[in-house]
Amino acid sequence: MSSGPRADDVGAQDAAADLRIGGAVRGRRVSFRFDGRRLTAYEGETLACALAAAGVRTLRSSPRSGAPRGMFCLMGSCQECVVRIGGRRTPACQEPVREGMEGHSGMSEGAS
């Protein structure tokens, strides 16, 4: 039994750049921007999952303490992952990623 990763191991597909599980059937690859950074995702993924796969963990800051906030419940109840898409506030876990989408965290200029 080998201790090193094999090409077909879970997460072996360029794990440093993409945290998705390898071998899954996915939709078409799309590109989008978040806080000005160009990222890629797959059709059918939520924005929260696409951001997590890209290594983005902090989506906004607490209005009281300034503490970082990110994904928590992943079903739209907690509002911890609220971001701005097209000028409107929306939970990233409820927003499907789309080609050309532009999103902003709660810490971005003009996105509070």
Protein backbone atom coordinates (compact mmCIF):
# COMPACT_ATOMS: atom_id res chain seq x y z
CA MET A 1 0.00 0.00 0.00
CA SER A 2 1.45 3.34 -1.09
CA SER A 3 1.38 6.38 1.18
CA GLY A 4 1.58 8.89 -1.70
CA PRO A 5 -1.43 10.11 -3.71
CA ARG A 6 -2.33 8.34 -6.96
CA ALA A 7 -3.80 10.08 -9.99
CA ASP A 8 -7.22 8.57 -9.24
CA ASP A 9 -7.22 9.43 -5.50
CA VAL A 10 -9.84 11.77 -4.11
CA GLY A 11 -8.61 15.33 -4.51
CA ALA A 12 -5.53 14.37 -6.51
CA GLN A 13 -6.45 16.68 -9.40
CA ASP A 14 -4.22 19.68 -8.72
CA ALA A 15 -5.29 19.96 -5.08
CA ALA A 16 -3.27 23.13 -4.58
CA ALA A 17 -5.41 25.04 -7.08
CA ASP A 18 -8.76 23.26 -6.71
CA LEU A 19 -10.23 21.62 -3.63
CA ARG A 20 -12.92 19.66 -5.49
CA ILE A 21 -13.16 15.89 -5.18
CA GLY A 22 -11.77 14.22 -8.29
CA GLY A 23 -13.72 11.89 -10.53
CA ALA A 24 -17.16 13.49 -10.13
CA VAL A 25 -19.39 14.16 -13.14
CA ARG A 26 -19.69 17.92 -13.52
CA GLY A 27 -21.39 20.50 -15.68
CA ARG A 28 -19.65 22.81 -18.14
CA ARG A 29 -16.72 24.86 -16.82
CA VAL A 30 -17.59 28.56 -16.43
CA SER A 31 -15.62 31.60 -15.35
CA PHE A 32 -16.72 34.32 -12.97
CA ARG A 33 -15.21 37.10 -10.85
CA PHE A 34 -15.28 37.51 -7.11
CA ASP A 35 -13.74 40.64 -5.57
CA GLY A 36 -12.06 41.23 -8.91
CA ARG A 37 -10.37 37.82 -8.96
CA ARG A 38 -11.12 35.60 -11.98
CA LEU A 39 -12.18 32.11 -10.89
CA THR A 40 -13.63 29.02 -12.53
CA ALA A 41 -16.46 26.75 -11.46
CA TYR A 42 -18.86 24.21 -12.91
CA GLU A 43 -22.46 24.81 -13.90
CA GLY A 44 -24.68 23.50 -11.14
CA GLU A 45 -22.38 24.56 -8.29
CA THR A 46 -23.44 27.22 -5.86
CA LEU A 47 -21.25 30.29 -5.52
CA ALA A 48 -20.35 29.23 -1.96
CA CYS A 49 -19.09 25.82 -3.13
CA ALA A 50 -17.19 27.33 -6.05
CA LEU A 51 -15.51 29.83 -3.70
CA ALA A 52 -14.65 27.11 -1.19
CA ALA A 53 -13.11 25.01 -3.97
CA ALA A 54 -11.01 28.03 -4.96
CA GLY A 55 -9.80 28.44 -1.36
CA VAL A 56 -11.90 31.53 -0.56
CA ARG A 57 -13.10 31.15 3.04
CA THR A 58 -13.99 34.66 4.24
CA LEU A 59 -17.04 36.11 2.49
CA ARG A 60 -17.82 39.07 4.71
CA SER A 61 -16.98 40.56 8.09
CA SER A 62 -19.13 40.89 11.17
CA PRO A 63 -20.71 44.35 11.37
CA ARG A 64 -20.15 44.43 15.15
CA SER A 65 -16.70 42.97 15.70
CA GLY A 66 -15.20 42.89 12.21
CA ALA A 67 -14.55 39.14 12.64
CA PRO A 68 -14.38 37.12 9.41
CA ARG A 69 -17.54 35.29 8.34
CA GLY A 70 -18.01 32.54 5.78
CA MET A 71 -20.04 29.44 5.04
CA PHE A 72 -21.84 27.83 7.94
CA CYS A 73 -25.20 26.13 7.32
CA LEU A 74 -25.07 25.97 3.48
CA MET A 75 -28.88 26.06 3.27
CA GLY A 76 -29.63 29.79 3.38
CA SER A 77 -30.77 30.02 7.00
CA CYS A 78 -27.84 31.59 8.83
CA GLN A 79 -26.92 34.42 6.41
CA GLU A 80 -23.21 34.04 7.25
CA CYS A 81 -22.28 33.75 3.56
CA VAL A 82 -24.17 36.83 2.31
CA VAL A 83 -22.40 38.48 -0.64
CA ARG A 84 -23.38 40.97 -3.33
CA ILE A 85 -24.25 39.82 -6.84
CA GLY A 86 -25.34 42.47 -9.32
CA GLY A 87 -25.90 44.97 -6.52
CA ARG A 88 -28.19 42.74 -4.45
CA ARG A 89 -27.40 40.89 -1.22
CA THR A 90 -27.79 37.13 -1.45
CA PRO A 91 -26.54 34.06 0.42
CA ALA A 92 -23.71 32.56 -1.65
CA CYS A 93 -24.97 29.08 -0.77
CA GLN A 94 -28.25 29.77 -2.59
CA GLU A 95 -26.80 31.45 -5.70
CA PRO A 96 -25.93 29.23 -8.68
CA VAL A 97 -22.69 30.26 -10.34
CA ARG A 98 -23.09 31.56 -13.91
CA GLU A 99 -20.72 32.39 -16.75
CA GLY A 100 -19.59 36.01 -16.36
CA MET A 101 -21.08 36.44 -12.87
CA GLU A 102 -19.49 39.20 -10.77
CA GLY A 103 -19.69 38.97 -7.00
CA HIS A 104 -18.32 40.94 -4.10
CA SER A 105 -17.71 40.04 -0.49
CA GLY A 106 -19.07 42.04 2.42
CA MET A 107 -15.55 43.41 2.84
CA SER A 108 -15.20 44.80 -0.68
CA GLU A 109 -15.37 48.49 -1.34
CA GLY A 110 -19.02 49.48 -1.69
CA ALA A 111 -20.32 46.03 -0.86
CA SER A 112 -21.24 46.32 2.82
